[in-house]
Protein backbone atom coordinates (compact mmCIF):
# COMPACT_ATOMS: atom_id res chain seq x y z
CA UNK A 1 -15.68 -72.45 -145.74
CA UNK A 2 -15.96 -73.61 -149.36
CA UNK A 3 -16.76 -77.12 -148.24
CA UNK A 4 -19.70 -75.90 -146.12
CA UNK A 5 -20.95 -73.72 -149.02
CA UNK A 6 -20.88 -76.76 -151.33
CA UNK A 7 -22.74 -78.82 -148.73
CA UNK A 8 -25.31 -76.06 -148.32
CA UNK A 9 -25.80 -75.81 -152.10
CA UNK A 10 -26.11 -79.59 -152.33
CA UNK A 11 -28.72 -79.65 -149.56
CA UNK A 12 -30.71 -76.85 -151.20
CA UNK A 13 -30.60 -78.69 -154.52
CA UNK A 14 -31.75 -81.93 -152.87
CA UNK A 15 -34.57 -80.10 -151.09
CA UNK A 16 -35.61 -78.42 -154.36
CA UNK A 17 -35.62 -81.79 -156.16
CA UNK A 18 -37.65 -83.40 -153.37
CA UNK A 19 -40.22 -80.59 -153.42
CA UNK A 20 -40.47 -80.86 -157.22
CA UNK A 21 -40.90 -84.62 -156.92
CA UNK A 22 -43.76 -84.30 -154.41
CA UNK A 23 -45.39 -81.57 -156.53
CA UNK A 24 -45.42 -83.99 -159.45
CA UNK A 25 -46.88 -86.72 -157.21
CA UNK A 26 -49.61 -84.34 -156.06
CA UNK A 27 -50.46 -83.54 -159.69
CA UNK A 28 -50.71 -87.23 -160.55
CA UNK A 29 -52.79 -87.94 -157.46
CA UNK A 30 -55.12 -85.02 -158.25
CA UNK A 31 -55.69 -86.33 -161.78
CA UNK A 32 -56.60 -89.77 -160.41
CA UNK A 33 -59.05 -88.40 -157.85
CA UNK A 34 -60.88 -86.50 -160.57
CA UNK A 35 -61.57 -89.82 -162.34
CA UNK A 36 -62.24 -91.97 -159.28
CA UNK A 37 -64.09 -89.97 -156.66
CA UNK A 38 -64.59 -92.87 -154.24
CA UNK A 39 -60.87 -93.68 -153.88
CA UNK A 40 -60.73 -91.52 -150.75
CA UNK A 41 -64.02 -92.63 -149.18
CA UNK A 42 -62.38 -94.08 -146.05
CA UNK A 43 -59.71 -92.27 -144.06
CA UNK A 44 -57.70 -94.28 -141.54
CA UNK A 45 -55.49 -92.55 -139.01
CA UNK A 46 -53.82 -93.00 -135.65
CA UNK A 47 -55.24 -94.25 -132.38
CA UNK A 48 -57.51 -96.76 -134.20
CA UNK A 49 -59.58 -93.95 -135.66
CA UNK A 50 -61.02 -93.35 -139.10
CA UNK A 51 -63.88 -91.73 -140.97
CA UNK A 52 -66.09 -93.35 -143.62
CA UNK A 53 -67.23 -90.79 -146.23
CA UNK A 54 -69.11 -93.34 -148.36
CA UNK A 55 -72.21 -91.22 -147.76
CA UNK A 56 -70.70 -87.70 -147.91
CA UNK A 57 -73.67 -86.05 -146.20
CA UNK A 58 -73.41 -88.47 -143.26
CA UNK A 59 -69.77 -89.41 -142.43
CA UNK A 60 -69.44 -92.29 -139.98
CA UNK A 61 -66.70 -93.27 -137.50
CA UNK A 62 -64.49 -96.07 -138.80
CA UNK A 63 -62.19 -98.49 -136.96
CA UNK A 64 -58.57 -98.87 -138.05
CA UNK A 65 -55.81 -101.02 -136.56
CA UNK A 66 -53.34 -98.14 -136.71
CA UNK A 67 -51.44 -97.55 -133.48
CA UNK A 68 -49.40 -94.53 -134.43
CA UNK A 69 -49.55 -90.78 -134.39
CA UNK A 70 -47.47 -90.30 -137.51
CA UNK A 71 -48.59 -89.67 -141.07
CA UNK A 72 -51.39 -91.93 -142.33
CA UNK A 73 -52.70 -92.73 -145.82
CA UNK A 74 -55.46 -94.98 -147.13
CA UNK A 75 -56.95 -95.86 -150.49
CA UNK A 76 -60.23 -97.41 -151.62
CA UNK A 77 -61.38 -98.99 -154.86
CA UNK A 78 -63.62 -96.99 -157.22
CA UNK A 79 -66.68 -98.18 -155.27
CA UNK A 80 -65.36 -96.79 -151.98
CA UNK A 81 -64.30 -100.13 -150.42
CA UNK A 82 -61.08 -99.94 -148.41
CA UNK A 83 -58.11 -101.64 -150.11
CA UNK A 84 -55.29 -100.89 -147.65
CA UNK A 85 -53.78 -98.19 -145.47
CA UNK A 86 -50.36 -97.30 -144.10
CA UNK A 87 -48.65 -95.09 -141.57
CA UNK A 88 -45.21 -93.78 -140.77
CA UNK A 89 -43.36 -94.43 -137.56
CA UNK A 90 -44.21 -92.60 -134.38
CA UNK A 91 -41.43 -90.41 -132.98
CA UNK A 92 -43.19 -90.35 -129.60
CA UNK A 93 -42.88 -94.15 -129.32
CA UNK A 94 -39.30 -95.50 -129.64
CA UNK A 95 -40.63 -99.05 -130.19
CA UNK A 96 -42.62 -97.95 -133.26
CA UNK A 97 -40.09 -96.00 -135.34
CA UNK A 98 -40.95 -97.52 -138.72
CA UNK A 99 -44.26 -97.55 -140.49
CA UNK A 100 -46.31 -100.42 -141.83
CA UNK A 101 -49.07 -101.28 -144.28
CA UNK A 102 -52.37 -102.89 -143.26
CA UNK A 103 -54.72 -104.71 -145.63
CA UNK A 104 -58.50 -104.22 -145.80
CA UNK A 105 -58.96 -106.69 -142.94
CA UNK A 106 -56.75 -104.47 -140.73
CA UNK A 107 -53.95 -107.05 -140.66
CA UNK A 108 -50.30 -106.45 -141.51
CA UNK A 109 -49.85 -106.88 -145.25
CA UNK A 110 -47.23 -109.44 -146.27
CA UNK A 111 -43.83 -107.68 -146.26
CA UNK A 112 -45.66 -104.54 -145.08
CA UNK A 113 -43.42 -103.92 -142.09
CA UNK A 114 -40.37 -101.66 -141.83
CA UNK A 115 -41.69 -98.93 -144.12
CA UNK A 116 -39.37 -95.94 -143.93
CA UNK A 117 -40.90 -92.71 -142.64
CA UNK A 118 -40.61 -91.16 -139.20
CA UNK A 119 -42.52 -87.96 -138.68
CA UNK A 120 -45.87 -86.18 -138.53
CA UNK A 121 -45.65 -84.09 -141.65
CA UNK A 122 -47.47 -85.83 -144.51
CA UNK A 123 -44.45 -87.63 -145.92
CA UNK A 124 -46.44 -90.53 -147.34
CA UNK A 125 -48.68 -90.81 -150.41
CA UNK A 126 -50.38 -93.69 -152.32
CA UNK A 127 -50.47 -93.54 -156.12
CA UNK A 128 -52.21 -96.18 -158.29
CA UNK A 129 -50.18 -97.67 -161.16
CA UNK A 130 -51.30 -96.00 -164.39
CA UNK A 131 -52.40 -99.17 -166.23
CA UNK A 132 -52.69 -101.83 -163.53
CA UNK A 133 -55.55 -101.60 -161.03
CA UNK A 134 -53.90 -104.26 -158.81
CA UNK A 135 -50.68 -102.31 -158.14
CA UNK A 136 -49.95 -99.18 -156.14
CA UNK A 137 -46.93 -97.08 -155.19
CA UNK A 138 -46.43 -95.76 -151.67
CA UNK A 139 -43.93 -92.91 -151.62
CA UNK A 140 -42.38 -91.96 -148.29
CA UNK A 141 -39.85 -89.51 -146.96
CA UNK A 142 -37.64 -90.31 -144.00
CA UNK A 143 -38.06 -86.89 -142.38
CA UNK A 144 -34.29 -86.40 -142.18
CA UNK A 145 -32.42 -83.24 -143.07
CA UNK A 146 -31.49 -84.80 -146.43
CA UNK A 147 -35.13 -85.59 -147.35
CA UNK A 148 -34.42 -89.11 -148.59
CA UNK A 149 -37.31 -90.47 -150.63
CA UNK A 150 -38.40 -94.12 -150.77
CA UNK A 151 -41.12 -96.04 -152.50
CA UNK A 152 -42.79 -99.40 -152.10
CA UNK A 153 -44.88 -101.29 -154.62
CA UNK A 154 -48.03 -103.04 -153.42
CA UNK A 155 -49.60 -105.78 -155.53
CA UNK A 156 -53.16 -106.69 -154.52
CA UNK A 157 -53.27 -109.76 -156.76
CA UNK A 158 -51.43 -111.70 -154.02
CA UNK A 159 -53.01 -113.39 -150.98
CA UNK A 160 -56.58 -113.47 -152.31
CA UNK A 161 -56.72 -109.70 -152.74
CA UNK A 162 -55.10 -108.86 -149.38
CA UNK A 163 -51.91 -107.83 -151.18
CA UNK A 164 -48.17 -108.03 -150.71
CA UNK A 165 -45.42 -105.41 -150.73
CA UNK A 166 -43.35 -106.68 -153.65
CA UNK A 167 -40.64 -104.02 -153.63
CA UNK A 168 -39.07 -101.50 -151.23
CA UNK A 169 -36.68 -99.02 -152.87
CA UNK A 170 -34.61 -95.96 -152.01
CA UNK A 171 -34.91 -93.18 -154.64
CA UNK A 172 -32.29 -90.49 -153.98
CA UNK A 173 -28.69 -91.05 -153.07
């Protein structure tokens, strides 16, 4: 009985910490979008779909190479040009259980495979590095009952601006 109470308390604490972590990420992301309005001009999502909001009064369909129905994220430069996008794995497709990162040419980014995240519930976010416009964090959550959080670092200075995932890390233990 005591063991299960300790496990329950530990899980609640982990969930609370994860929620706090994502609240902080949202705050950081919100502060960046207020300075760089075009960073979200192109949305890429599953089934090869996307929307280009470069002209907000006239959004246009946009092609993406995403073949998933999981969570999707994308980011543009300050002029609204797509830099890269990513998605989590697709629980409806057992072959595609891990996410990946695509560059602006819709090709797999170097080391952009095997990104943790299996679900449909917005467990992925892109955050620019504070003082380096060539690097970005992608934070993901594995969708498990323990809410494990991971991050990857993308560096766009590699491969002639197409980028490379230079680090994949597990945050909580």
